[in-house]
Amino acid sequence: MYLILNRSEKEWRMPPREWTMAKAQFAVIFGERFIRAMAA
């Protein structure tokens, strides 16, 4: 799922307004793995 979202995010002109909230929820669920992946 991460790879799909990561690839899709690069093609977005303007990310959906819910994306910030979704990223926060993914960070809670996946913890350090998600945070490291977003930093890369």
N, C-alpha and C. Protein backbone atom coordinates (compact mmCIF):
# COMPACT_ATOMS: atom_id res chain seq x y z
N MET A 1 0.83 -1.18 0.00
CA MET A 1 0.00 0.00 0.00
C MET A 1 0.88 1.25 0.00
N TYR A 2 1.94 1.23 0.79
CA TYR A 2 2.82 2.40 0.85
C TYR A 2 3.38 2.74 -0.52
N LEU A 3 3.86 1.73 -1.25
CA LEU A 3 4.46 1.99 -2.56
C LEU A 3 3.45 2.59 -3.53
N ILE A 4 2.24 2.10 -3.48
CA ILE A 4 1.19 2.65 -4.36
C ILE A 4 0.94 4.10 -4.03
N LEU A 5 0.78 4.40 -2.74
CA LEU A 5 0.54 5.79 -2.34
C LEU A 5 1.74 6.67 -2.65
N ASN A 6 2.92 6.16 -2.43
CA ASN A 6 4.13 6.94 -2.69
C ASN A 6 4.24 7.29 -4.18
N ARG A 7 4.00 6.33 -5.04
CA ARG A 7 4.06 6.59 -6.48
C ARG A 7 2.95 7.54 -6.91
N SER A 8 1.77 7.35 -6.38
CA SER A 8 0.64 8.21 -6.73
C SER A 8 0.88 9.64 -6.28
N GLU A 9 1.45 9.79 -5.09
CA GLU A 9 1.67 11.13 -4.54
C GLU A 9 2.60 11.94 -5.44
N LYS A 10 3.58 11.29 -6.08
CA LYS A 10 4.51 12.00 -6.94
C LYS A 10 3.83 12.54 -8.19
N GLU A 11 2.75 11.91 -8.62
CA GLU A 11 2.04 12.33 -9.83
C GLU A 11 0.96 13.37 -9.56
N TRP A 12 0.61 13.57 -8.30
CA TRP A 12 -0.45 14.52 -7.97
C TRP A 12 0.00 15.94 -8.22
N ARG A 13 -0.87 16.71 -8.79
CA ARG A 13 -0.63 18.15 -8.93
C ARG A 13 -0.93 18.82 -7.58
N MET A 14 -2.02 18.39 -6.98
CA MET A 14 -2.41 18.92 -5.69
C MET A 14 -2.98 17.74 -4.90
N PRO A 15 -2.32 17.33 -3.81
CA PRO A 15 -2.80 16.16 -3.06
C PRO A 15 -4.19 16.41 -2.46
N PRO A 16 -4.96 15.35 -2.29
CA PRO A 16 -6.28 15.50 -1.68
C PRO A 16 -6.16 16.13 -0.29
N ARG A 17 -7.16 16.89 0.09
CA ARG A 17 -7.11 17.59 1.38
C ARG A 17 -7.05 16.62 2.55
N GLU A 18 -7.51 15.39 2.36
CA GLU A 18 -7.50 14.40 3.43
C GLU A 18 -6.13 13.73 3.61
N TRP A 19 -5.19 13.98 2.71
CA TRP A 19 -3.91 13.29 2.74
C TRP A 19 -3.14 13.58 4.02
N THR A 20 -3.18 14.81 4.51
CA THR A 20 -2.47 15.15 5.75
C THR A 20 -3.01 14.33 6.91
N MET A 21 -4.32 14.22 7.00
CA MET A 21 -4.94 13.44 8.07
C MET A 21 -4.61 11.95 7.90
N ALA A 22 -4.62 11.47 6.68
CA ALA A 22 -4.31 10.06 6.43
C ALA A 22 -2.87 9.75 6.81
N LYS A 23 -1.93 10.64 6.47
CA LYS A 23 -0.53 10.42 6.84
C LYS A 23 -0.36 10.36 8.34
N ALA A 24 -1.08 11.19 9.07
CA ALA A 24 -1.00 11.16 10.54
C ALA A 24 -1.50 9.83 11.08
N GLN A 25 -2.58 9.31 10.50
CA GLN A 25 -3.12 8.03 10.95
C GLN A 25 -2.17 6.88 10.60
N PHE A 26 -1.56 6.92 9.42
CA PHE A 26 -0.58 5.89 9.06
C PHE A 26 0.60 5.92 10.01
N ALA A 27 1.03 7.11 10.41
CA ALA A 27 2.16 7.23 11.35
C ALA A 27 1.82 6.59 12.68
N VAL A 28 0.58 6.73 13.14
CA VAL A 28 0.17 6.10 14.40
C VAL A 28 0.14 4.58 14.25
N ILE A 29 -0.41 4.11 13.15
CA ILE A 29 -0.56 2.67 12.94
C ILE A 29 0.79 1.99 12.71
N PHE A 30 1.61 2.56 11.82
CA PHE A 30 2.86 1.91 11.42
C PHE A 30 4.09 2.44 12.14
N GLY A 31 3.94 3.49 12.89
CA GLY A 31 5.02 4.02 13.72
C GLY A 31 6.27 4.41 12.96
N GLU A 32 7.39 3.98 13.50
CA GLU A 32 8.70 4.38 12.98
C GLU A 32 8.91 3.98 11.52
N ARG A 33 8.34 2.85 11.10
CA ARG A 33 8.50 2.42 9.70
C ARG A 33 7.94 3.47 8.75
N PHE A 34 6.78 4.01 9.08
CA PHE A 34 6.15 5.00 8.22
C PHE A 34 6.93 6.31 8.24
N ILE A 35 7.36 6.71 9.41
CA ILE A 35 8.09 7.97 9.54
C ILE A 35 9.40 7.92 8.75
N ARG A 36 10.12 6.80 8.87
CA ARG A 36 11.38 6.65 8.11
C ARG A 36 11.11 6.65 6.61
N ALA A 37 10.04 5.98 6.19
CA ALA A 37 9.72 5.90 4.77
C ALA A 37 9.36 7.27 4.21
N MET A 38 8.66 8.07 4.97
CA MET A 38 8.28 9.41 4.51
C MET A 38 9.49 10.34 4.46
N ALA A 39 10.48 10.09 5.28
CA ALA A 39 11.68 10.93 5.30
C ALA A 39 12.59 10.61 4.12
N ALA A 40 12.46 9.42 3.56
CA ALA A 40 13.35 9.00 2.46
C ALA A 40 12.97 9.65 1.15
